[in-house]
Amino acid sequence: MSTIQIPKKFEPYLDAALVRFQYLYPETIVSLSALELTLTNEASLETKLKEEFLHLLYKEKIYSETLDIRRSLYQAISS
């Protein structure tokens, strides 16, 4: 079992990251309480799962923060 403390600034991206993570690792039991995430799986996978979840969470943050820029670029190209 691994526990991850999620920083408050990542809270808006947590739901999307959780959905992706559960799709990629369906055998992992995920529970969320406040901003504390617990992952339960084989002990040999704990470090990898923790790293993977944090990576997904960060990717979701970057995706959300750059969405307006990408939309502007697409509009400029299609105009």
PDB file of N, CA and C in Angstrom:
ATOM      1  N   MET A   1       0.848  -1.178   0.000  1.00  0.00           N
ATOM      2  CA  MET A   1       0.000   0.000   0.000  1.00  0.00           C
ATOM      3  C   MET A   1       0.890   1.236   0.000  1.00  0.00           C
ATOM      4  N   SER A   2       0.601   2.156  -0.902  1.00  0.00           N
ATOM      5  CA  SER A   2       1.325   3.419  -0.990  1.00  0.00           C
ATOM      6  C   SER A   2       0.363   4.566  -0.747  1.00  0.00           C
ATOM      7  N   THR A   3       0.835   5.573  -0.054  1.00  0.00           N
ATOM      8  CA  THR A   3       0.031   6.764   0.190  1.00  0.00           C
ATOM      9  C   THR A   3       0.714   7.953  -0.454  1.00  0.00           C
ATOM     10  N   ILE A   4      -0.068   8.754  -1.139  1.00  0.00           N
ATOM     11  CA  ILE A   4       0.443   9.940  -1.828  1.00  0.00           C
ATOM     12  C   ILE A   4      -0.305  11.152  -1.295  1.00  0.00           C
ATOM     13  N   GLN A   5       0.424  12.135  -0.836  1.00  0.00           N
ATOM     14  CA  GLN A   5      -0.162  13.413  -0.436  1.00  0.00           C
ATOM     15  C   GLN A   5      -0.242  14.295  -1.689  1.00  0.00           C
ATOM     16  N   ILE A   6      -1.434  14.711  -2.039  1.00  0.00           N
ATOM     17  CA  ILE A   6      -1.630  15.535  -3.232  1.00  0.00           C
ATOM     18  C   ILE A   6      -1.591  17.002  -2.830  1.00  0.00           C
ATOM     19  N   PRO A   7      -0.685  17.784  -3.441  1.00  0.00           N
ATOM     20  CA  PRO A   7      -0.660  19.214  -3.151  1.00  0.00           C
ATOM     21  C   PRO A   7      -1.981  19.881  -3.578  1.00  0.00           C
ATOM     22  N   LYS A   8      -2.423  20.842  -2.808  1.00  0.00           N
ATOM     23  CA  LYS A   8      -3.699  21.534  -3.043  1.00  0.00           C
ATOM     24  C   LYS A   8      -3.805  22.089  -4.470  1.00  0.00           C
ATOM     25  N   LYS A   9      -2.694  22.587  -5.024  1.00  0.00           N
ATOM     26  CA  LYS A   9      -2.754  23.188  -6.364  1.00  0.00           C
ATOM     27  C   LYS A   9      -3.031  22.162  -7.464  1.00  0.00           C
ATOM     28  N   PHE A  10      -2.897  20.871  -7.153  1.00  0.00           N
ATOM     29  CA  PHE A  10      -3.180  19.823  -8.127  1.00  0.00           C
ATOM     30  C   PHE A  10      -4.599  19.280  -8.005  1.00  0.00           C
ATOM     31  N   GLU A  11      -5.346  19.740  -7.047  1.00  0.00           N
ATOM     32  CA  GLU A  11      -6.701  19.232  -6.813  1.00  0.00           C
ATOM     33  C   GLU A  11      -7.613  19.324  -8.041  1.00  0.00           C
ATOM     34  N   PRO A  12      -7.567  20.406  -8.825  1.00  0.00           N
ATOM     35  CA  PRO A  12      -8.460  20.475  -9.987  1.00  0.00           C
ATOM     36  C   PRO A  12      -8.184  19.403 -11.048  1.00  0.00           C
ATOM     37  N   TYR A  13      -7.029  18.801 -11.034  1.00  0.00           N
ATOM     38  CA  TYR A  13      -6.639  17.826 -12.052  1.00  0.00           C
ATOM     39  C   TYR A  13      -6.742  16.390 -11.550  1.00  0.00           C
ATOM     40  N   LEU A  14      -7.117  16.233 -10.304  1.00  0.00           N
ATOM     41  CA  LEU A  14      -7.112  14.935  -9.645  1.00  0.00           C
ATOM     42  C   LEU A  14      -8.100  13.947 -10.267  1.00  0.00           C
ATOM     43  N   ASP A  15      -9.314  14.372 -10.543  1.00  0.00           N
ATOM     44  CA  ASP A  15     -10.317  13.461 -11.089  1.00  0.00           C
ATOM     45  C   ASP A  15      -9.892  12.881 -12.435  1.00  0.00           C
ATOM     46  N   ALA A  16      -9.404  13.717 -13.329  1.00  0.00           N
ATOM     47  CA  ALA A  16      -8.982  13.232 -14.650  1.00  0.00           C
ATOM     48  C   ALA A  16      -7.799  12.280 -14.530  1.00  0.00           C
ATOM     49  N   ALA A  17      -6.862  12.589 -13.657  1.00  0.00           N
ATOM     50  CA  ALA A  17      -5.704  11.711 -13.463  1.00  0.00           C
ATOM     51  C   ALA A  17      -6.133  10.373 -12.868  1.00  0.00           C
ATOM     52  N   LEU A  18      -7.094  10.397 -11.944  1.00  0.00           N
ATOM     53  CA  LEU A  18      -7.597   9.159 -11.352  1.00  0.00           C
ATOM     54  C   LEU A  18      -8.257   8.259 -12.394  1.00  0.00           C
ATOM     55  N   VAL A  19      -9.029   8.848 -13.274  1.00  0.00           N
ATOM     56  CA  VAL A  19      -9.695   8.065 -14.321  1.00  0.00           C
ATOM     57  C   VAL A  19      -8.656   7.407 -15.220  1.00  0.00           C
ATOM     58  N   ARG A  20      -7.672   8.158 -15.653  1.00  0.00           N
ATOM     59  CA  ARG A  20      -6.622   7.581 -16.500  1.00  0.00           C
ATOM     60  C   ARG A  20      -5.857   6.487 -15.772  1.00  0.00           C
ATOM     61  N   PHE A  21      -5.523   6.739 -14.522  1.00  0.00           N
ATOM     62  CA  PHE A  21      -4.754   5.771 -13.743  1.00  0.00           C
ATOM     63  C   PHE A  21      -5.538   4.463 -13.575  1.00  0.00           C
ATOM     64  N   GLN A  22      -6.821   4.567 -13.277  1.00  0.00           N
ATOM     65  CA  GLN A  22      -7.629   3.363 -13.085  1.00  0.00           C
ATOM     66  C   GLN A  22      -7.798   2.589 -14.386  1.00  0.00           C
ATOM     67  N   TYR A  23      -7.786   3.288 -15.503  1.00  0.00           N
ATOM     68  CA  TYR A  23      -7.831   2.618 -16.803  1.00  0.00           C
ATOM     69  C   TYR A  23      -6.528   1.853 -17.043  1.00  0.00           C
ATOM     70  N   LEU A  24      -5.402   2.477 -16.738  1.00  0.00           N
ATOM     71  CA  LEU A  24      -4.104   1.847 -16.967  1.00  0.00           C
ATOM     72  C   LEU A  24      -3.794   0.728 -15.978  1.00  0.00           C
ATOM     73  N   TYR A  25      -4.274   0.841 -14.751  1.00  0.00           N
ATOM     74  CA  TYR A  25      -3.975  -0.126 -13.696  1.00  0.00           C
ATOM     75  C   TYR A  25      -5.262  -0.595 -13.008  1.00  0.00           C
ATOM     76  N   PRO A  26      -6.102  -1.337 -13.725  1.00  0.00           N
ATOM     77  CA  PRO A  26      -7.393  -1.744 -13.148  1.00  0.00           C
ATOM     78  C   PRO A  26      -7.262  -2.679 -11.947  1.00  0.00           C
ATOM     79  N   GLU A  27      -6.127  -3.339 -11.804  1.00  0.00           N
ATOM     80  CA  GLU A  27      -5.933  -4.257 -10.683  1.00  0.00           C
ATOM     81  C   GLU A  27      -5.559  -3.538  -9.389  1.00  0.00           C
ATOM     82  N   THR A  28      -5.343  -2.242  -9.465  1.00  0.00           N
ATOM     83  CA  THR A  28      -4.968  -1.455  -8.299  1.00  0.00           C
ATOM     84  C   THR A  28      -6.210  -0.870  -7.632  1.00  0.00           C
ATOM     85  N   ILE A  29      -6.275  -1.018  -6.334  1.00  0.00           N
ATOM     86  CA  ILE A  29      -7.373  -0.428  -5.562  1.00  0.00           C
ATOM     87  C   ILE A  29      -6.962   0.993  -5.193  1.00  0.00           C
ATOM     88  N   VAL A  30      -7.786   1.955  -5.563  1.00  0.00           N
ATOM     89  CA  VAL A  30      -7.497   3.364  -5.331  1.00  0.00           C
ATOM     90  C   VAL A  30      -8.541   3.927  -4.380  1.00  0.00           C
ATOM     91  N   SER A  31      -8.078   4.580  -3.322  1.00  0.00           N
ATOM     92  CA  SER A  31      -9.025   5.277  -2.444  1.00  0.00           C
ATOM     93  C   SER A  31      -8.507   6.683  -2.185  1.00  0.00           C
ATOM     94  N   LEU A  32      -9.435   7.614  -2.164  1.00  0.00           N
ATOM     95  CA  LEU A  32      -9.104   9.028  -2.001  1.00  0.00           C
ATOM     96  C   LEU A  32      -9.855   9.566  -0.802  1.00  0.00           C
ATOM     97  N   SER A  33      -9.119  10.207   0.080  1.00  0.00           N
ATOM     98  CA  SER A  33      -9.709  10.840   1.249  1.00  0.00           C
ATOM     99  C   SER A  33      -9.067  12.211   1.385  1.00  0.00           C
ATOM    100  N   ALA A  34      -9.874  13.242   1.235  1.00  0.00           N
ATOM    101  CA  ALA A  34      -9.360  14.624   1.204  1.00  0.00           C
ATOM    102  C   ALA A  34      -8.322  14.697   0.091  1.00  0.00           C
ATOM    103  N   LEU A  35      -7.100  15.049   0.406  1.00  0.00           N
ATOM    104  CA  LEU A  35      -6.041  15.102  -0.609  1.00  0.00           C
ATOM    105  C   LEU A  35      -4.985  14.026  -0.346  1.00  0.00           C
ATOM    106  N   GLU A  36      -5.443  12.887   0.140  1.00  0.00           N
ATOM    107  CA  GLU A  36      -4.546  11.754   0.383  1.00  0.00           C
ATOM    108  C   GLU A  36      -5.050  10.561  -0.420  1.00  0.00           C
ATOM    109  N   LEU A  37      -4.202  10.074  -1.308  1.00  0.00           N
ATOM    110  CA  LEU A  37      -4.538   8.974  -2.184  1.00  0.00           C
ATOM    111  C   LEU A  37      -3.820   7.726  -1.704  1.00  0.00           C
ATOM    112  N   THR A  38      -4.541   6.614  -1.644  1.00  0.00           N
ATOM    113  CA  THR A  38      -3.941   5.344  -1.252  1.00  0.00           C
ATOM    114  C   THR A  38      -4.072   4.360  -2.395  1.00  0.00           C
ATOM    115  N   LEU A  39      -2.943   3.763  -2.792  1.00  0.00           N
ATOM    116  CA  LEU A  39      -2.902   2.766  -3.856  1.00  0.00           C
ATOM    117  C   LEU A  39      -2.552   1.423  -3.236  1.00  0.00           C
ATOM    118  N   THR A  40      -3.358   0.409  -3.529  1.00  0.00           N
ATOM    119  CA  THR A  40      -3.101  -0.916  -2.983  1.00  0.00           C
ATOM    120  C   THR A  40      -2.921  -1.896  -4.134  1.00  0.00           C
ATOM    121  N   ASN A  41      -1.771  -2.563  -4.133  1.00  0.00           N
ATOM    122  CA  ASN A  41      -1.423  -3.546  -5.149  1.00  0.00           C
ATOM    123  C   ASN A  41      -0.277  -4.378  -4.612  1.00  0.00           C
ATOM    124  N   GLU A  42       0.311  -5.196  -5.470  1.00  0.00           N
ATOM    125  CA  GLU A  42       1.462  -5.993  -5.067  1.00  0.00           C
ATOM    126  C   GLU A  42       2.586  -5.076  -4.582  1.00  0.00           C
ATOM    127  N   ALA A  43       3.297  -5.496  -3.559  1.00  0.00           N
ATOM    128  CA  ALA A  43       4.369  -4.683  -2.990  1.00  0.00           C
ATOM    129  C   ALA A  43       5.424  -4.335  -4.027  1.00  0.00           C
ATOM    130  N   SER A  44       5.689  -5.235  -4.963  1.00  0.00           N
ATOM    131  CA  SER A  44       6.721  -4.989  -5.972  1.00  0.00           C
ATOM    132  C   SER A  44       6.345  -3.870  -6.939  1.00  0.00           C
ATOM    133  N   LEU A  45       5.067  -3.545  -7.026  1.00  0.00           N
ATOM    134  CA  LEU A  45       4.610  -2.502  -7.952  1.00  0.00           C
ATOM    135  C   LEU A  45       4.398  -1.143  -7.294  1.00  0.00           C
ATOM    136  N   GLU A  46       4.472  -1.069  -5.986  1.00  0.00           N
ATOM    137  CA  GLU A  46       4.103   0.165  -5.284  1.00  0.00           C
ATOM    138  C   GLU A  46       4.862   1.395  -5.761  1.00  0.00           C
ATOM    139  N   THR A  47       6.176   1.307  -5.862  1.00  0.00           N
ATOM    140  CA  THR A  47       6.962   2.468  -6.285  1.00  0.00           C
ATOM    141  C   THR A  47       6.608   2.875  -7.701  1.00  0.00           C
ATOM    142  N   LYS A  48       6.479   1.904  -8.597  1.00  0.00           N
ATOM    143  CA  LYS A  48       6.129   2.197  -9.992  1.00  0.00           C
ATOM    144  C   LYS A  48       4.753   2.850 -10.075  1.00  0.00           C
ATOM    145  N   LEU A  49       3.799   2.345  -9.329  1.00  0.00           N
ATOM    146  CA  LEU A  49       2.446   2.911  -9.362  1.00  0.00           C
ATOM    147  C   LEU A  49       2.416   4.334  -8.830  1.00  0.00           C
ATOM    148  N   LYS A  50       3.155   4.572  -7.777  1.00  0.00           N
ATOM    149  CA  LYS A  50       3.216   5.923  -7.211  1.00  0.00           C
ATOM    150  C   LYS A  50       3.820   6.894  -8.220  1.00  0.00           C
ATOM    151  N   GLU A  51       4.926   6.490  -8.841  1.00  0.00           N
ATOM    152  CA  GLU A  51       5.565   7.336  -9.861  1.00  0.00           C
ATOM    153  C   GLU A  51       4.616   7.588 -11.027  1.00  0.00           C
ATOM    154  N   GLU A  52       3.936   6.534 -11.479  1.00  0.00           N
ATOM    155  CA  GLU A  52       3.030   6.662 -12.616  1.00  0.00           C
ATOM    156  C   GLU A  52       1.865   7.598 -12.301  1.00  0.00           C
ATOM    157  N   PHE A  53       1.293   7.486 -11.110  1.00  0.00           N
ATOM    158  CA  PHE A  53       0.179   8.365 -10.767  1.00  0.00           C
ATOM    159  C   PHE A  53       0.623   9.820 -10.713  1.00  0.00           C
ATOM    160  N   LEU A  54       1.736  10.083 -10.078  1.00  0.00           N
ATOM    161  CA  LEU A  54       2.223  11.466  -9.988  1.00  0.00           C
ATOM    162  C   LEU A  54       2.527  12.027 -11.374  1.00  0.00           C
ATOM    163  N   HIS A  55       3.050  11.195 -12.257  1.00  0.00           N
ATOM    164  CA  HIS A  55       3.310  11.630 -13.638  1.00  0.00           C
ATOM    165  C   HIS A  55       1.997  11.979 -14.345  1.00  0.00           C
ATOM    166  N   LEU A  56       0.985  11.132 -14.199  1.00  0.00           N
ATOM    167  CA  LEU A  56      -0.316  11.412 -14.809  1.00  0.00           C
ATOM    168  C   LEU A  56      -0.932  12.695 -14.262  1.00  0.00           C
ATOM    169  N   LEU A  57      -0.812  12.898 -12.979  1.00  0.00           N
ATOM    170  CA  LEU A  57      -1.366  14.099 -12.355  1.00  0.00           C
ATOM    171  C   LEU A  57      -0.682  15.349 -12.906  1.00  0.00           C
ATOM    172  N   TYR A  58       0.618  15.301 -13.040  1.00  0.00           N
ATOM    173  CA  TYR A  58       1.356  16.451 -13.578  1.00  0.00           C
ATOM    174  C   TYR A  58       0.996  16.681 -15.050  1.00  0.00           C
ATOM    175  N   LYS A  59       0.874  15.601 -15.831  1.00  0.00           N
ATOM    176  CA  LYS A  59       0.490  15.743 -17.233  1.00  0.00           C
ATOM    177  C   LYS A  59      -0.883  16.392 -17.365  1.00  0.00           C
ATOM    178  N   GLU A  60      -1.799  16.023 -16.495  1.00  0.00           N
ATOM    179  CA  GLU A  60      -3.144  16.605 -16.530  1.00  0.00           C
ATOM    180  C   GLU A  60      -3.096  18.102 -16.223  1.00  0.00           C
ATOM    181  N   LYS A  61      -2.256  18.479 -15.286  1.00  0.00           N
ATOM    182  CA  LYS A  61      -2.092  19.894 -14.939  1.00  0.00           C
ATOM    183  C   LYS A  61      -1.570  20.678 -16.148  1.00  0.00           C
ATOM    184  N   ILE A  62      -0.533  20.158 -16.801  1.00  0.00           N
ATOM    185  CA  ILE A  62       0.044  20.825 -17.977  1.00  0.00           C
ATOM    186  C   ILE A  62      -0.989  20.899 -19.107  1.00  0.00           C
ATOM    187  N   TYR A  63      -1.713  19.812 -19.338  1.00  0.00           N
ATOM    188  CA  TYR A  63      -2.735  19.794 -20.378  1.00  0.00           C
ATOM    189  C   TYR A  63      -3.772  20.895 -20.131  1.00  0.00           C
ATOM    190  N   SER A  64      -4.262  20.969 -18.920  1.00  0.00           N
ATOM    191  CA  SER A  64      -5.284  21.967 -18.584  1.00  0.00           C
ATOM    192  C   SER A  64      -4.756  23.391 -18.699  1.00  0.00           C
ATOM    193  N   GLU A  65      -3.538  23.599 -18.251  1.00  0.00           N
ATOM    194  CA  GLU A  65      -2.976  24.954 -18.274  1.00  0.00           C
ATOM    195  C   GLU A  65      -2.635  25.431 -19.681  1.00  0.00           C
ATOM    196  N   THR A  66      -2.415  24.528 -20.610  1.00  0.00           N
ATOM    197  CA  THR A  66      -2.048  24.932 -21.971  1.00  0.00           C
ATOM    198  C   THR A  66      -3.211  24.825 -22.960  1.00  0.00           C
ATOM    199  N   LEU A  67      -4.372  24.443 -22.477  1.00  0.00           N
ATOM    200  CA  LEU A  67      -5.522  24.257 -23.362  1.00  0.00           C
ATOM    201  C   LEU A  67      -5.892  25.540 -24.108  1.00  0.00           C
ATOM    202  N   ASP A  68      -5.918  26.670 -23.439  1.00  0.00           N
ATOM    203  CA  ASP A  68      -6.258  27.937 -24.109  1.00  0.00           C
ATOM    204  C   ASP A  68      -5.238  28.298 -25.191  1.00  0.00           C
ATOM    205  N   ILE A  69      -3.982  28.055 -24.919  1.00  0.00           N
ATOM    206  CA  ILE A  69      -2.930  28.338 -25.905  1.00  0.00           C
ATOM    207  C   ILE A  69      -3.123  27.466 -27.147  1.00  0.00           C
ATOM    208  N   ARG A  70      -3.375  26.185 -26.934  1.00  0.00           N
ATOM    209  CA  ARG A  70      -3.574  25.280 -28.066  1.00  0.00           C
ATOM    210  C   ARG A  70      -4.811  25.654 -28.869  1.00  0.00           C
ATOM    211  N   ARG A  71      -5.883  26.050 -28.189  1.00  0.00           N
ATOM    212  CA  ARG A  71      -7.090  26.473 -28.900  1.00  0.00           C
ATOM    213  C   ARG A  71      -6.813  27.701 -29.769  1.00  0.00           C
ATOM    214  N   SER A  72      -6.056  28.652 -29.216  1.00  0.00           N
ATOM    215  CA  SER A  72      -5.709  29.856 -29.976  1.00  0.00           C
ATOM    216  C   SER A  72      -4.878  29.511 -31.211  1.00  0.00           C
ATOM    217  N   LEU A  73      -3.940  28.613 -31.039  1.00  0.00           N
ATOM    218  CA  LEU A  73      -3.108  28.203 -32.174  1.00  0.00           C
ATOM    219  C   LEU A  73      -3.944  27.520 -33.252  1.00  0.00           C
ATOM    220  N   TYR A  74      -4.842  26.631 -32.857  1.00  0.00           N
ATOM    221  CA  TYR A  74      -5.696  25.952 -33.826  1.00  0.00           C
ATOM    222  C   TYR A  74      -6.583  26.935 -34.574  1.00  0.00           C
ATOM    223  N   GLN A  75      -7.106  27.941 -33.861  1.00  0.00           N
ATOM    224  CA  GLN A  75      -7.951  28.944 -34.518  1.00  0.00           C
ATOM    225  C   GLN A  75      -7.131  29.775 -35.506  1.00  0.00           C
ATOM    226  N   ALA A  76      -5.902  30.125 -35.121  1.00  0.00           N
ATOM    227  CA  ALA A  76      -5.044  30.904 -36.012  1.00  0.00           C
ATOM    228  C   ALA A  76      -4.695  30.122 -37.259  1.00  0.00           C
ATOM    229  N   ILE A  77      -4.477  28.849 -37.130  1.00  0.00           N
ATOM    230  CA  ILE A  77      -4.121  28.011 -38.270  1.00  0.00           C
ATOM    231  C   ILE A  77      -5.310  27.807 -39.196  1.00  0.00           C
ATOM    232  N   SER A  78      -6.479  27.615 -38.632  1.00  0.00           N
ATOM    233  CA  SER A  78      -7.658  27.336 -39.463  1.00  0.00           C
ATOM    234  C   SER A  78      -8.298  28.590 -40.043  1.00  0.00           C
ATOM    235  N   SER A  79      -7.829  29.765 -39.651  1.00  0.00           N
ATOM    236  CA  SER A  79      -8.413  31.016 -40.171  1.00  0.00           C
ATOM    237  C   SER A  79      -7.789  31.414 -41.473  1.00  0.00           C
TER     238      SER A  79
END
